Amino acid sequence: MSLRITGGDLRGRLVATPEGNATRPTASRVREAVFSMLGPLHGASVLDLCSGAGTLAFEALSRGAGSAVLVDDAEAAVECARRNAAAYGVEDRTTVLHVDAIRAVRRLLDENATFDVIFLDAPYSRAPSLAERLDALLPELLEPAGRVVLEGNRKQPPRLSLPLDRERAYRDVLVQIHDAPQASARTNALDGA
């Protein structure tokens, strides 16, 4: 599959992806729409869960994000993500983790990591159950003004309880952008935990 970065400093660069159908990179049209909705990413910290070869993370870095953590449990995808980071010269701003999304999130929480943007683009068959399992964990990884970009199948969409900012459908693809809970609500939840 031939994919290219659609905007920013790396615009037009090819994205190496694993052979076969094991990964399903976000289509160029959908990526352009997502990044248009997100707006400027200057210096943002990004977490790309179920990253595959890292198309969303590298698009974010190309458009001004300061750093990205890519997470995938497939070895072929992780190797492609590492090769892409090297090819683009962004290894110093990229961390690639070969682990499943749940373990990665727990590890990042233990490290007190926070992010401005979290992408959750799991295989569509697993997206609803994974979103359900991550629902209580993702708010703790978000900066106060952070956002989660959730992608799934329009017929069986994943859901999060975070405040929904917007939702757009692109054929069979549903993209939702969720906002971080209010800082006071987060503080109250932590105090009550």
C-alpha atoms as a PDB file:
ATOM      1  CA  MET A   1       0.000   0.000   0.000  1.00  0.00           C
ATOM      2  CA  SER A   2       1.340   3.410  -0.942  1.00  0.00           C
ATOM      3  CA  LEU A   3       0.607   6.151   1.593  1.00  0.00           C
ATOM      4  CA  ARG A   4       1.997   9.644   1.857  1.00  0.00           C
ATOM      5  CA  ILE A   5       2.069  12.287   4.582  1.00  0.00           C
ATOM      6  CA  THR A   6      -0.574  14.846   3.575  1.00  0.00           C
ATOM      7  CA  GLY A   7       0.670  18.056   5.235  1.00  0.00           C
ATOM      8  CA  GLY A   8       3.441  19.875   7.029  1.00  0.00           C
ATOM      9  CA  ASP A   9       7.217  19.513   6.835  1.00  0.00           C
ATOM     10  CA  LEU A  10       7.083  15.872   5.706  1.00  0.00           C
ATOM     11  CA  ARG A  11       4.303  16.385   3.170  1.00  0.00           C
ATOM     12  CA  GLY A  12       4.559  13.982   0.271  1.00  0.00           C
ATOM     13  CA  ARG A  13       6.927  11.560   2.032  1.00  0.00           C
ATOM     14  CA  LEU A  14       6.054   7.888   1.630  1.00  0.00           C
ATOM     15  CA  VAL A  15       4.964   5.937   4.714  1.00  0.00           C
ATOM     16  CA  ALA A  16       6.350   2.398   4.863  1.00  0.00           C
ATOM     17  CA  THR A  17       3.590  -0.018   5.935  1.00  0.00           C
ATOM     18  CA  PRO A  18       3.670  -3.747   6.681  1.00  0.00           C
ATOM     19  CA  GLU A  19       2.819  -6.075   3.827  1.00  0.00           C
ATOM     20  CA  GLY A  20      -0.587  -7.715   3.826  1.00  0.00           C
ATOM     21  CA  ASN A  21      -3.817  -6.698   5.518  1.00  0.00           C
ATOM     22  CA  ALA A  22      -2.675  -6.865   9.141  1.00  0.00           C
ATOM     23  CA  THR A  23      -2.857  -3.070   9.464  1.00  0.00           C
ATOM     24  CA  ARG A  24      -5.386  -0.590   8.089  1.00  0.00           C
ATOM     25  CA  PRO A  25      -3.827   2.858   7.878  1.00  0.00           C
ATOM     26  CA  THR A  26      -6.153   5.848   8.065  1.00  0.00           C
ATOM     27  CA  ALA A  27      -6.986   7.008   4.542  1.00  0.00           C
ATOM     28  CA  SER A  28      -5.471  10.279   3.339  1.00  0.00           C
ATOM     29  CA  ARG A  29      -8.854  12.011   3.059  1.00  0.00           C
ATOM     30  CA  VAL A  30      -9.784  11.074   6.626  1.00  0.00           C
ATOM     31  CA  ARG A  31      -6.350  12.146   7.943  1.00  0.00           C
ATOM     32  CA  GLU A  32      -6.666  15.527   6.260  1.00  0.00           C
ATOM     33  CA  ALA A  33     -10.110  15.994   7.824  1.00  0.00           C
ATOM     34  CA  VAL A  34      -8.874  14.939  11.286  1.00  0.00           C
ATOM     35  CA  PHE A  35      -5.955  17.355  11.236  1.00  0.00           C
ATOM     36  CA  SER A  36      -8.147  20.143   9.927  1.00  0.00           C
ATOM     37  CA  MET A  37     -10.466  19.591  12.913  1.00  0.00           C
ATOM     38  CA  LEU A  38      -7.536  19.447  15.364  1.00  0.00           C
ATOM     39  CA  GLY A  39      -5.994  22.694  14.153  1.00  0.00           C
ATOM     40  CA  PRO A  40      -2.437  23.774  15.055  1.00  0.00           C
ATOM     41  CA  LEU A  41      -0.310  21.213  16.886  1.00  0.00           C
ATOM     42  CA  HIS A  42       2.722  23.373  17.650  1.00  0.00           C
ATOM     43  CA  GLY A  43       4.780  21.529  20.250  1.00  0.00           C
ATOM     44  CA  ALA A  44       1.982  19.072  21.120  1.00  0.00           C
ATOM     45  CA  SER A  45       2.730  15.729  22.745  1.00  0.00           C
ATOM     46  CA  VAL A  46       0.996  12.878  20.906  1.00  0.00           C
ATOM     47  CA  LEU A  47       0.120   9.310  21.841  1.00  0.00           C
ATOM     48  CA  ASP A  48      -0.800   7.014  18.940  1.00  0.00           C
ATOM     49  CA  LEU A  49      -2.396   3.847  20.327  1.00  0.00           C
ATOM     50  CA  CYS A  50      -2.720   0.944  17.863  1.00  0.00           C
ATOM     51  CA  SER A  51      -0.400   3.010  15.685  1.00  0.00           C
ATOM     52  CA  GLY A  52       0.422   0.483  13.003  1.00  0.00           C
ATOM     53  CA  ALA A  53       3.255   2.021  10.993  1.00  0.00           C
ATOM     54  CA  GLY A  54       2.607   5.376  12.667  1.00  0.00           C
ATOM     55  CA  THR A  55       0.799   7.258   9.938  1.00  0.00           C
ATOM     56  CA  LEU A  56      -1.203   9.451  12.366  1.00  0.00           C
ATOM     57  CA  ALA A  57       1.761  10.125  14.651  1.00  0.00           C
ATOM     58  CA  PHE A  58       4.075  11.054  11.765  1.00  0.00           C
ATOM     59  CA  GLU A  59       1.365  13.246  10.248  1.00  0.00           C
ATOM     60  CA  ALA A  60       1.140  15.027  13.624  1.00  0.00           C
ATOM     61  CA  LEU A  61       4.932  15.457  13.841  1.00  0.00           C
ATOM     62  CA  SER A  62       4.967  16.759  10.283  1.00  0.00           C
ATOM     63  CA  ARG A  63       2.341  19.328  11.276  1.00  0.00           C
ATOM     64  CA  GLY A  64       4.255  20.660  14.278  1.00  0.00           C
ATOM     65  CA  ALA A  65       3.786  18.225  17.162  1.00  0.00           C
ATOM     66  CA  GLY A  66       6.818  18.180  19.444  1.00  0.00           C
ATOM     67  CA  SER A  67       6.885  14.480  20.325  1.00  0.00           C
ATOM     68  CA  ALA A  68       5.032  11.238  19.696  1.00  0.00           C
ATOM     69  CA  VAL A  69       4.728   7.887  21.425  1.00  0.00           C
ATOM     70  CA  LEU A  70       3.633   5.109  19.074  1.00  0.00           C
ATOM     71  CA  VAL A  71       2.163   1.892  20.481  1.00  0.00           C
ATOM     72  CA  ASP A  72       1.422  -1.337  18.652  1.00  0.00           C
ATOM     73  CA  ASP A  73       1.532  -5.028  19.505  1.00  0.00           C
ATOM     74  CA  ALA A  74       2.389  -6.232  15.978  1.00  0.00           C
ATOM     75  CA  GLU A  75       6.114  -6.650  15.397  1.00  0.00           C
ATOM     76  CA  ALA A  76       5.915  -5.853  11.661  1.00  0.00           C
ATOM     77  CA  ALA A  77       4.080  -2.591  12.360  1.00  0.00           C
ATOM     78  CA  VAL A  78       6.570  -1.582  15.061  1.00  0.00           C
ATOM     79  CA  GLU A  79       9.500  -2.238  12.727  1.00  0.00           C
ATOM     80  CA  CYS A  80       7.872  -0.092  10.014  1.00  0.00           C
ATOM     81  CA  ALA A  81       7.251   2.693  12.537  1.00  0.00           C
ATOM     82  CA  ARG A  82      10.919   2.631  13.572  1.00  0.00           C
ATOM     83  CA  ARG A  83      12.061   2.667   9.929  1.00  0.00           C
ATOM     84  CA  ASN A  84       9.721   5.579   9.185  1.00  0.00           C
ATOM     85  CA  ALA A  85      11.041   7.559  12.159  1.00  0.00           C
ATOM     86  CA  ALA A  86      14.612   7.030  10.936  1.00  0.00           C
ATOM     87  CA  ALA A  87      13.737   7.889   7.328  1.00  0.00           C
ATOM     88  CA  TYR A  88      12.060  11.130   8.415  1.00  0.00           C
ATOM     89  CA  GLY A  89      14.848  12.069  10.836  1.00  0.00           C
ATOM     90  CA  VAL A  90      12.495  12.288  13.829  1.00  0.00           C
ATOM     91  CA  GLU A  91      13.889   9.478  16.039  1.00  0.00           C
ATOM     92  CA  ASP A  92      14.740  12.027  18.737  1.00  0.00           C
ATOM     93  CA  ARG A  93      11.060  13.051  18.963  1.00  0.00           C
ATOM     94  CA  THR A  94       9.620   9.541  18.628  1.00  0.00           C
ATOM     95  CA  THR A  95       9.244   6.635  21.051  1.00  0.00           C
ATOM     96  CA  VAL A  96       7.975   3.336  19.634  1.00  0.00           C
ATOM     97  CA  LEU A  97       6.595   0.765  22.096  1.00  0.00           C
ATOM     98  CA  HIS A  98       6.030  -2.869  21.119  1.00  0.00           C
ATOM     99  CA  VAL A  99       3.216  -3.664  23.549  1.00  0.00           C
ATOM    100  CA  ASP A 100      -0.585  -3.814  23.565  1.00  0.00           C
ATOM    101  CA  ALA A 101      -2.549  -0.614  24.167  1.00  0.00           C
ATOM    102  CA  ILE A 102      -3.799  -1.511  27.667  1.00  0.00           C
ATOM    103  CA  ARG A 103      -0.317  -2.315  28.985  1.00  0.00           C
ATOM    104  CA  ALA A 104       1.106   0.775  27.316  1.00  0.00           C
ATOM    105  CA  VAL A 105      -1.502   3.042  28.895  1.00  0.00           C
ATOM    106  CA  ARG A 106      -0.905   1.551  32.346  1.00  0.00           C
ATOM    107  CA  ARG A 107       2.852   1.975  31.916  1.00  0.00           C
ATOM    108  CA  LEU A 108       2.469   5.579  30.788  1.00  0.00           C
ATOM    109  CA  LEU A 109       0.178   6.284  33.750  1.00  0.00           C
ATOM    110  CA  ASP A 110       2.827   4.828  36.094  1.00  0.00           C
ATOM    111  CA  GLU A 111       5.333   7.225  34.503  1.00  0.00           C
ATOM    112  CA  ASN A 112       2.914  10.179  34.999  1.00  0.00           C
ATOM    113  CA  ALA A 113       2.958  10.854  31.251  1.00  0.00           C
ATOM    114  CA  THR A 114       0.373  13.208  29.765  1.00  0.00           C
ATOM    115  CA  PHE A 115      -0.511  14.070  26.191  1.00  0.00           C
ATOM    116  CA  ASP A 116      -2.160  16.851  24.240  1.00  0.00           C
ATOM    117  CA  VAL A 117      -3.573  14.479  21.606  1.00  0.00           C
ATOM    118  CA  ILE A 118      -4.308  10.757  21.834  1.00  0.00           C
ATOM    119  CA  PHE A 119      -5.172   8.804  18.697  1.00  0.00           C
ATOM    120  CA  LEU A 120      -7.098   5.564  19.188  1.00  0.00           C
ATOM    121  CA  ASP A 121      -7.519   3.846  15.842  1.00  0.00           C
ATOM    122  CA  ALA A 122      -7.787   0.160  16.733  1.00  0.00           C
ATOM    123  CA  PRO A 123      -8.735  -2.595  14.293  1.00  0.00           C
ATOM    124  CA  TYR A 124     -12.439  -2.000  13.801  1.00  0.00           C
ATOM    125  CA  SER A 125     -13.417  -5.421  15.152  1.00  0.00           C
ATOM    126  CA  ARG A 126     -11.630  -4.651  18.438  1.00  0.00           C
ATOM    127  CA  ALA A 127     -12.310  -0.905  18.653  1.00  0.00           C
ATOM    128  CA  PRO A 128     -15.545  -0.941  20.721  1.00  0.00           C
ATOM    129  CA  SER A 129     -14.194  -3.298  23.417  1.00  0.00           C
ATOM    130  CA  LEU A 130     -10.810  -1.562  23.547  1.00  0.00           C
ATOM    131  CA  ALA A 131     -12.435   1.869  23.894  1.00  0.00           C
ATOM    132  CA  GLU A 132     -14.586   0.491  26.707  1.00  0.00           C
ATOM    133  CA  ARG A 133     -11.522  -0.880  28.515  1.00  0.00           C
ATOM    134  CA  LEU A 134      -9.603   2.384  28.086  1.00  0.00           C
ATOM    135  CA  ASP A 135     -12.503   4.697  28.901  1.00  0.00           C
ATOM    136  CA  ALA A 136     -11.587   5.257  32.562  1.00  0.00           C
ATOM    137  CA  LEU A 137      -7.827   5.395  31.879  1.00  0.00           C
ATOM    138  CA  LEU A 138      -7.521   7.856  28.988  1.00  0.00           C
ATOM    139  CA  PRO A 139      -8.688  10.956  30.920  1.00  0.00           C
ATOM    140  CA  GLU A 140      -5.706  10.570  33.266  1.00  0.00           C
ATOM    141  CA  LEU A 141      -3.329  10.682  30.293  1.00  0.00           C
ATOM    142  CA  LEU A 142      -4.767  13.916  28.902  1.00  0.00           C
ATOM    143  CA  GLU A 143      -3.476  17.405  29.470  1.00  0.00           C
ATOM    144  CA  PRO A 144      -6.273  19.729  30.683  1.00  0.00           C
ATOM    145  CA  ALA A 145      -6.963  20.932  27.128  1.00  0.00           C
ATOM    146  CA  GLY A 146      -6.148  17.563  25.553  1.00  0.00           C
ATOM    147  CA  ARG A 147      -8.200  15.667  23.007  1.00  0.00           C
ATOM    148  CA  VAL A 148      -8.788  12.064  22.010  1.00  0.00           C
ATOM    149  CA  VAL A 149      -9.328  11.212  18.355  1.00  0.00           C
ATOM    150  CA  LEU A 150     -11.321   7.986  18.155  1.00  0.00           C
ATOM    151  CA  GLU A 151     -11.791   6.196  14.842  1.00  0.00           C
ATOM    152  CA  GLY A 152     -14.022   3.233  14.184  1.00  0.00           C
ATOM    153  CA  ASN A 153     -16.580   1.574  11.980  1.00  0.00           C
ATOM    154  CA  ARG A 154     -19.676   3.695  11.532  1.00  0.00           C
ATOM    155  CA  LYS A 155     -21.952   0.648  11.962  1.00  0.00           C
ATOM    156  CA  GLN A 156     -20.383  -0.468  15.261  1.00  0.00           C
ATOM    157  CA  PRO A 157     -18.627   2.624  16.577  1.00  0.00           C
ATOM    158  CA  PRO A 158     -16.420   2.661  19.645  1.00  0.00           C
ATOM    159  CA  ARG A 159     -17.582   4.982  22.410  1.00  0.00           C
ATOM    160  CA  LEU A 160     -15.904   6.985  25.158  1.00  0.00           C
ATOM    161  CA  SER A 161     -17.558   8.843  28.015  1.00  0.00           C
ATOM    162  CA  LEU A 162     -15.308  11.893  27.550  1.00  0.00           C
ATOM    163  CA  PRO A 163     -17.121  15.017  26.322  1.00  0.00           C
ATOM    164  CA  LEU A 164     -17.713  14.734  22.573  1.00  0.00           C
ATOM    165  CA  ASP A 165     -16.556  17.814  20.670  1.00  0.00           C
ATOM    166  CA  ARG A 166     -17.460  16.622  17.181  1.00  0.00           C
ATOM    167  CA  GLU A 167     -18.229  13.553  15.133  1.00  0.00           C
ATOM    168  CA  ARG A 168     -17.861  13.093  11.381  1.00  0.00           C
ATOM    169  CA  ALA A 169     -18.584  10.156   9.083  1.00  0.00           C
ATOM    170  CA  TYR A 170     -16.528   9.352   5.988  1.00  0.00           C
ATOM    171  CA  ARG A 171     -18.238   6.456   4.224  1.00  0.00           C
ATOM    172  CA  ASP A 172     -17.954   3.560   6.703  1.00  0.00           C
ATOM    173  CA  VAL A 173     -15.495   5.418   8.956  1.00  0.00           C
ATOM    174  CA  LEU A 174     -16.634   7.379  11.997  1.00  0.00           C
ATOM    175  CA  VAL A 175     -14.239   9.887  13.568  1.00  0.00           C
ATOM    176  CA  GLN A 176     -14.974  11.353  16.992  1.00  0.00           C
ATOM    177  CA  ILE A 177     -12.981  14.048  18.751  1.00  0.00           C
ATOM    178  CA  HIS A 178     -13.374  14.048  22.523  1.00  0.00           C
ATOM    179  CA  ASP A 179     -12.220  16.756  24.922  1.00  0.00           C
ATOM    180  CA  ALA A 180     -10.484  16.235  28.238  1.00  0.00           C
ATOM    181  CA  PRO A 181     -12.789  16.468  31.242  1.00  0.00           C
ATOM    182  CA  GLN A 182     -12.769  19.805  33.033  1.00  0.00           C
ATOM    183  CA  ALA A 183      -9.800  20.173  35.361  1.00  0.00           C
ATOM    184  CA  SER A 184     -12.096  20.507  38.393  1.00  0.00           C
ATOM    185  CA  ALA A 185     -13.966  17.344  37.445  1.00  0.00           C
ATOM    186  CA  ARG A 186     -10.662  15.470  37.145  1.00  0.00           C
ATOM    187  CA  THR A 187      -9.528  16.690  40.553  1.00  0.00           C
ATOM    188  CA  ASN A 188     -12.835  15.610  42.120  1.00  0.00           C
ATOM    189  CA  ALA A 189     -12.580  12.156  40.536  1.00  0.00           C
ATOM    190  CA  LEU A 190      -9.034  11.687  41.815  1.00  0.00           C
ATOM    191  CA  ASP A 191     -10.004  12.805  45.316  1.00  0.00           C
ATOM    192  CA  GLY A 192     -12.883  10.338  45.338  1.00  0.00           C
ATOM    193  CA  ALA A 193     -10.850   7.403  44.001  1.00  0.00           C
END
